[in-house]
Amino acid sequence: MIKKIIELLRGNKRFLITAHMNLEGDALGSELAMYLLLRKMKKQVIICNHDTTPRAYSFLPHIKVIKNDLDVSNGFDVALVLDCSDSFRTGKVKDYLSRAKIIVNIDHHISNTFFGDLNWVDPKASSASEMIYRLCKELKVMDRKIALCLYTGIFTDTGNFTYSNVSSRVHRIIAELFRYKILPDKIYESLHSFCQLKDIRFIGKVLSSIKADSSGKITWALIKYWPKKEYDLTEVIFSIMRFLRDAEVFLLFKKLGKNKVRVNFRSRSKVDVNRVAKFFGGGGHKRASGTTIFGNLSSVEKKVITFVKRYTNDKKRR
């Protein structure tokens, strides 16, 4: 598959790059690394995303080239959709995809719907950035800017190299990226020093409301108001919840409207939360997934927790 993608990159001139809504490090890192790779190949490239870029990623090279709208006259030879399990997750950019002759889907989510004309989906990859790294290796293209983007993407999607998707292969890639004199301490500081005092107080309220089942294996919190911010506090809350010794599954229920709830799932190693999210119309990874459910907060909580309990009990009996 990688050779077919390289043929497309070499044989075409005009490219659109996009990723999923709610941008984070892997989406942006893989996009910008692909942008820089194509520019080195003398291609015409535009990055367009549904959402504006979070300020925390302003250190990434060429971050200002990213657009949130396109001229209706623009046409493309190839649309590269990165780190996105479904074309609907590109938001308003989905309308632009039809202007491309070929849609290439490059992703590592196990829940990917294979929506592209060409699909390179590798659930064993730690991140989309790892996959773009493999493209760069094949094409023998790498420099400090590309290395910085790829490191940021891998760093983000592995939870600072603490998740189960970290492998010896990931560490070998990082060791090679270090040859380009990137500064991991500065990247960490940029990505993790963004909270204000009011954010910490909000997180405190969420943590004080945590519930658990009788076994302590399933823990969750209900959030009646989720603040709209340019940065997301979800992973901060989950990282603290992971300190719970016996917990296996972690959930956040976020009320988004009168009858709309966002549910985020995380797990340690025994429970495939992608299967849980998929049952409720969502998806993602085995250890990190999400979905949006219509209904009031209490009814969604009851429905989801009942299913999670049954699912985890079934797993134990097998």
Protein backbone atom coordinates (compact mmCIF):
# COMPACT_ATOMS: atom_id res chain seq x y z
CA MET A 1 0.00 0.00 0.00
CA ILE A 2 2.78 2.44 0.87
CA LYS A 3 4.27 2.01 -2.62
CA LYS A 4 0.91 2.86 -4.24
CA ILE A 5 0.71 6.02 -2.15
CA ILE A 6 4.23 7.00 -3.15
CA GLU A 7 3.27 6.56 -6.81
CA LEU A 8 0.32 8.90 -6.25
CA LEU A 9 2.52 11.47 -4.53
CA ARG A 10 5.03 11.41 -7.36
CA GLY A 11 2.47 11.33 -10.16
CA ASN A 12 0.21 14.21 -9.07
CA LYS A 13 0.64 17.93 -8.55
CA ARG A 14 -2.16 19.47 -6.43
CA PHE A 15 -2.86 18.15 -2.93
CA LEU A 16 -5.37 18.85 -0.16
CA ILE A 17 -4.49 17.67 3.35
CA THR A 18 -7.01 17.45 6.20
CA ALA A 19 -7.66 15.60 9.46
CA HIS A 20 -10.41 15.11 12.04
CA MET A 21 -12.30 17.75 14.00
CA ASN A 22 -11.05 18.65 17.51
CA LEU A 23 -7.43 18.89 16.46
CA GLU A 24 -4.63 17.46 18.58
CA GLY A 25 -0.94 16.68 18.19
CA ASP A 26 -1.13 13.65 15.92
CA ALA A 27 -3.56 15.26 13.49
CA LEU A 28 -1.48 18.44 13.25
CA GLY A 29 1.91 16.71 13.37
CA SER A 30 1.05 14.29 10.57
CA GLU A 31 -0.54 17.04 8.46
CA LEU A 32 2.42 19.38 8.70
CA ALA A 33 4.97 16.60 8.16
CA MET A 34 3.06 15.55 5.02
CA TYR A 35 2.88 19.19 3.91
CA LEU A 36 6.65 19.60 4.28
CA LEU A 37 7.30 16.29 2.53
CA LEU A 38 5.17 17.31 -0.46
CA ARG A 39 6.74 20.77 -0.62
CA LYS A 40 10.15 19.11 -0.85
CA MET A 41 8.72 17.15 -3.79
CA LYS A 42 7.78 20.51 -5.43
CA LYS A 43 4.02 19.92 -5.11
CA GLN A 44 1.19 22.41 -4.61
CA VAL A 45 -0.25 21.76 -1.14
CA ILE A 46 -3.08 23.18 0.99
CA ILE A 47 -3.98 22.11 4.53
CA CYS A 48 -7.58 22.82 5.49
CA ASN A 49 -9.23 21.81 8.77
CA HIS A 50 -12.71 22.19 10.21
CA ASP A 51 -11.44 23.68 13.49
CA THR A 52 -8.99 26.44 14.25
CA THR A 53 -5.57 25.34 15.49
CA PRO A 54 -5.11 25.26 19.28
CA ARG A 55 -2.56 27.82 20.47
CA ALA A 56 -0.58 25.13 22.31
CA TYR A 57 0.71 23.92 18.93
CA SER A 58 1.95 27.31 17.74
CA PHE A 59 5.57 26.06 18.03
CA LEU A 60 5.07 23.69 15.09
CA PRO A 61 6.72 24.84 11.83
CA HIS A 62 4.46 26.38 9.16
CA ILE A 63 1.44 26.16 11.47
CA LYS A 64 0.08 29.38 9.96
CA VAL A 65 -0.36 27.81 6.51
CA ILE A 66 -3.36 25.85 7.83
CA LYS A 67 -6.66 27.18 6.50
CA ASN A 68 -10.22 26.80 7.76
CA ASP A 69 -11.86 27.65 4.46
CA LEU A 70 -11.16 27.22 0.76
CA ASP A 71 -11.95 29.11 -2.41
CA VAL A 72 -14.83 27.31 -4.16
CA SER A 73 -12.81 27.27 -7.39
CA ASN A 74 -10.06 25.13 -5.86
CA GLY A 75 -9.65 21.65 -7.28
CA PHE A 76 -7.20 18.93 -6.30
CA ASP A 77 -5.62 15.86 -7.78
CA VAL A 78 -5.41 14.12 -4.40
CA ALA A 79 -7.06 14.66 -1.01
CA LEU A 80 -5.02 13.17 1.84
CA VAL A 81 -7.20 12.53 4.91
CA LEU A 82 -4.99 11.82 7.92
CA ASP A 83 -5.75 10.39 11.37
CA CYS A 84 -9.47 10.25 10.62
CA SER A 85 -11.65 7.14 11.00
CA ASP A 86 -14.58 8.44 8.93
CA SER A 87 -14.89 11.18 6.32
CA PHE A 88 -17.72 12.77 8.35
CA ARG A 89 -15.15 13.49 11.07
CA THR A 90 -13.49 16.02 8.75
CA GLY A 91 -16.50 18.29 9.39
CA LYS A 92 -17.07 20.98 6.78
CA VAL A 93 -13.95 19.87 4.88
CA LYS A 94 -15.91 16.81 3.73
CA ASP A 95 -17.58 19.08 1.14
CA TYR A 96 -14.14 19.83 -0.35
CA LEU A 97 -13.12 16.17 -0.67
CA SER A 98 -15.35 15.71 -3.70
CA ARG A 99 -13.18 18.23 -5.58
CA ALA A 100 -10.30 15.78 -5.51
CA LYS A 101 -9.89 13.10 -8.16
CA ILE A 102 -8.63 10.62 -5.55
CA ILE A 103 -9.17 10.42 -1.78
CA VAL A 104 -6.35 8.76 0.18
CA ASN A 105 -7.21 7.63 3.71
CA ILE A 106 -4.17 7.26 6.01
CA ASP A 107 -5.14 6.25 9.52
CA HIS A 108 -4.41 4.01 12.51
CA HIS A 109 -7.89 3.77 14.10
CA ILE A 110 -9.26 0.24 14.33
CA SER A 111 -12.74 1.71 13.70
CA ASN A 112 -11.79 3.17 10.30
CA THR A 113 -14.59 2.90 7.70
CA PHE A 114 -12.25 2.65 4.66
CA PHE A 115 -13.90 5.65 3.01
CA GLY A 116 -11.04 6.47 0.62
CA ASP A 117 -10.34 5.45 -2.94
CA LEU A 118 -7.04 4.26 -1.50
CA ASN A 119 -6.96 3.16 2.16
CA TRP A 120 -3.79 2.71 4.19
CA VAL A 121 -5.12 1.76 7.63
CA ASP A 122 -2.74 0.28 10.17
CA PRO A 123 -4.22 -0.20 13.67
CA LYS A 124 -0.83 -1.49 14.87
CA ALA A 125 0.74 1.92 14.26
CA SER A 126 1.01 4.15 17.32
CA SER A 127 -0.17 7.17 15.37
CA ALA A 128 -0.74 8.67 11.94
CA SER A 129 2.58 10.44 12.45
CA GLU A 130 4.35 7.08 12.68
CA MET A 131 2.83 6.18 9.31
CA ILE A 132 3.99 9.46 7.75
CA TYR A 133 7.45 8.74 9.18
CA ARG A 134 7.45 5.48 7.18
CA LEU A 135 6.58 7.45 4.04
CA CYS A 136 9.44 9.84 4.72
CA LYS A 137 11.82 6.90 5.18
CA GLU A 138 10.76 5.32 1.89
CA LEU A 139 11.24 8.63 0.09
CA LYS A 140 14.48 9.39 1.98
CA VAL A 141 13.14 12.80 3.05
CA MET A 142 13.74 14.13 6.56
CA ASP A 143 14.87 17.34 8.22
CA ARG A 144 14.52 19.04 11.59
CA LYS A 145 11.10 20.55 10.84
CA ILE A 146 9.59 17.25 9.71
CA ALA A 147 11.18 15.48 12.69
CA LEU A 148 9.66 18.03 15.09
CA CYS A 149 6.17 17.50 13.61
CA LEU A 150 6.46 13.70 13.71
CA TYR A 151 7.83 13.65 17.26
CA THR A 152 4.94 15.84 18.44
CA GLY A 153 2.38 13.57 16.80
CA ILE A 154 3.83 10.36 18.24
CA PHE A 155 4.40 11.95 21.66
CA THR A 156 0.77 13.06 21.82
CA ASP A 157 -0.89 9.84 20.66
CA THR A 158 1.19 7.64 22.95
CA GLY A 159 0.30 9.70 26.04
CA ASN A 160 3.89 10.90 26.46
CA PHE A 161 5.07 7.34 25.67
CA THR A 162 2.98 5.77 28.47
CA TYR A 163 0.15 4.03 26.53
CA SER A 164 0.04 0.40 25.42
CA ASN A 165 0.62 1.46 21.77
CA VAL A 166 4.28 2.18 22.61
CA SER A 167 6.58 -0.47 21.17
CA SER A 168 10.27 -0.99 20.51
CA ARG A 169 9.55 0.26 16.97
CA VAL A 170 8.23 3.55 18.38
CA HIS A 171 11.35 4.01 20.49
CA ARG A 172 13.58 3.31 17.49
CA ILE A 173 11.71 5.96 15.49
CA ILE A 174 12.06 8.48 18.31
CA ALA A 175 15.78 7.71 18.60
CA GLU A 176 16.18 8.51 14.91
CA LEU A 177 14.15 11.74 15.19
CA PHE A 178 16.46 12.83 18.02
CA ARG A 179 19.26 13.01 15.46
CA TYR A 180 17.62 16.22 14.20
CA LYS A 181 18.13 18.06 17.51
CA ILE A 182 14.54 18.43 18.55
CA LEU A 183 13.98 19.57 22.15
CA PRO A 184 11.55 17.22 23.94
CA ASP A 185 11.50 19.28 27.15
CA LYS A 186 10.33 22.36 25.24
CA ILE A 187 7.66 20.34 23.42
CA TYR A 188 6.41 18.89 26.71
CA GLU A 189 6.24 22.34 28.26
CA SER A 190 4.35 23.80 25.30
CA LEU A 191 1.77 21.00 25.34
CA HIS A 192 1.29 20.64 29.09
CA SER A 193 1.59 24.16 30.50
CA PHE A 194 -1.68 25.57 29.23
CA CYS A 195 -4.10 25.43 32.17
CA GLN A 196 -5.34 28.47 34.05
CA LEU A 197 -6.37 28.51 37.72
CA LYS A 198 -10.06 28.26 36.78
CA ASP A 199 -9.27 25.11 34.77
CA ILE A 200 -7.68 23.44 37.79
CA ARG A 201 -10.73 24.34 39.88
CA PHE A 202 -13.00 22.87 37.20
CA ILE A 203 -10.95 19.67 37.09
CA GLY A 204 -11.20 19.50 40.89
CA LYS A 205 -15.01 19.60 40.69
CA VAL A 206 -15.01 16.84 38.09
CA LEU A 207 -12.70 14.64 40.17
CA SER A 208 -14.77 15.18 43.32
CA SER A 209 -17.82 13.78 41.51
CA ILE A 210 -16.20 10.51 40.33
CA LYS A 211 -18.31 7.39 40.73
CA ALA A 212 -17.28 3.73 40.70
CA ASP A 213 -19.02 0.38 40.48
CA SER A 214 -18.88 -2.03 43.44
CA SER A 215 -15.72 -3.67 42.13
CA GLY A 216 -13.88 -0.40 41.58
CA LYS A 217 -13.04 -1.56 38.05
CA ILE A 218 -15.28 0.97 36.29
CA THR A 219 -15.02 4.67 37.15
CA TRP A 220 -16.79 7.63 35.60
CA ALA A 221 -17.72 11.27 36.05
CA LEU A 222 -20.74 13.31 34.93
CA ILE A 223 -20.06 16.82 33.65
CA LYS A 224 -23.12 19.00 33.37
CA TYR A 225 -21.23 21.83 31.69
CA TRP A 226 -18.22 21.24 29.47
CA PRO A 227 -16.41 24.53 28.78
CA LYS A 228 -15.66 25.44 25.19
CA LYS A 229 -11.94 26.10 24.96
CA GLU A 230 -9.20 26.13 22.37
CA TYR A 231 -7.54 23.36 24.39
CA ASP A 232 -9.12 20.16 25.71
CA LEU A 233 -9.00 19.12 29.36
CA THR A 234 -10.16 15.56 28.66
CA GLU A 235 -6.74 13.90 28.77
CA VAL A 236 -5.74 15.87 31.85
CA ILE A 237 -8.74 14.45 33.72
CA PHE A 238 -8.14 10.92 32.44
CA SER A 239 -4.45 11.07 33.41
CA ILE A 240 -5.47 11.77 37.02
CA MET A 241 -8.19 9.10 37.00
CA ARG A 242 -5.52 6.56 36.00
CA PHE A 243 -3.98 6.94 39.46
CA LEU A 244 -6.87 4.82 40.79
CA ARG A 245 -5.28 1.49 41.60
CA ASP A 246 -8.05 -0.99 40.73
CA ALA A 247 -9.74 0.85 37.88
CA GLU A 248 -9.78 -0.77 34.44
CA VAL A 249 -12.26 1.41 32.52
CA PHE A 250 -12.63 5.20 32.72
CA LEU A 251 -15.51 7.25 31.31
CA LEU A 252 -16.40 10.93 31.04
CA PHE A 253 -20.00 11.93 30.32
CA LYS A 254 -20.14 15.51 29.01
CA LYS A 255 -23.47 17.25 28.55
CA LEU A 256 -23.26 19.18 25.26
CA GLY A 257 -26.87 20.28 24.94
CA LYS A 258 -30.37 19.62 26.19
CA ASN A 259 -30.40 16.06 24.86
CA LYS A 260 -26.85 15.41 23.69
CA VAL A 261 -24.03 13.75 25.61
CA ARG A 262 -20.44 13.13 24.59
CA VAL A 263 -18.98 9.98 26.15
CA ASN A 264 -15.21 9.40 26.20
CA PHE A 265 -13.85 5.96 27.06
CA ARG A 266 -10.37 4.93 28.19
CA SER A 267 -9.07 1.58 29.44
CA ARG A 268 -5.85 0.04 30.71
CA SER A 269 -5.27 -3.31 29.02
CA LYS A 270 -8.14 -5.76 29.46
CA VAL A 271 -11.16 -4.01 27.95
CA ASP A 272 -11.58 -3.03 24.29
CA VAL A 273 -13.46 0.25 24.61
CA ASN A 274 -13.63 0.61 20.83
CA ARG A 275 -16.20 -2.21 20.88
CA VAL A 276 -18.18 -0.39 23.56
CA ALA A 277 -18.10 2.90 21.65
CA LYS A 278 -19.01 1.11 18.43
CA PHE A 279 -22.15 -0.33 20.07
CA PHE A 280 -23.26 3.27 20.69
CA GLY A 281 -22.37 4.49 17.19
CA GLY A 282 -18.85 5.72 17.90
CA GLY A 283 -15.37 4.26 17.68
CA GLY A 284 -11.65 4.89 17.98
CA HIS A 285 -8.95 2.71 19.50
CA LYS A 286 -9.03 -0.34 21.77
CA ARG A 287 -7.82 1.77 24.68
CA ALA A 288 -9.30 5.17 23.75
CA SER A 289 -12.63 5.78 22.05
CA GLY A 290 -15.66 8.02 22.10
CA THR A 291 -19.20 8.54 20.92
CA THR A 292 -22.05 11.05 21.04
CA ILE A 293 -25.42 9.85 22.32
CA PHE A 294 -28.75 11.65 22.21
CA GLY A 295 -30.62 11.68 25.51
CA ASN A 296 -30.42 13.35 28.90
CA LEU A 297 -27.33 12.93 31.05
CA SER A 298 -28.79 10.50 33.61
CA SER A 299 -30.41 8.20 31.05
CA VAL A 300 -27.24 8.06 28.95
CA GLU A 301 -25.19 7.33 32.07
CA LYS A 302 -27.49 4.46 33.09
CA LYS A 303 -27.56 2.96 29.60
CA VAL A 304 -23.79 3.14 29.01
CA ILE A 305 -22.69 1.99 32.47
CA THR A 306 -25.12 -0.96 32.34
CA PHE A 307 -23.62 -2.03 29.02
CA VAL A 308 -20.02 -1.55 30.19
CA LYS A 309 -20.67 -3.66 33.30
CA ARG A 310 -22.23 -6.44 31.24
CA TYR A 311 -19.45 -6.28 28.65
CA THR A 312 -16.64 -6.40 31.23
CA ASN A 313 -18.33 -9.26 33.12
CA ASP A 314 -18.66 -11.21 29.86
CA LYS A 315 -14.95 -10.66 29.22
CA LYS A 316 -14.11 -12.09 32.67
CA ARG A 317 -16.15 -15.24 32.08
CA ARG A 318 -14.40 -16.04 28.81
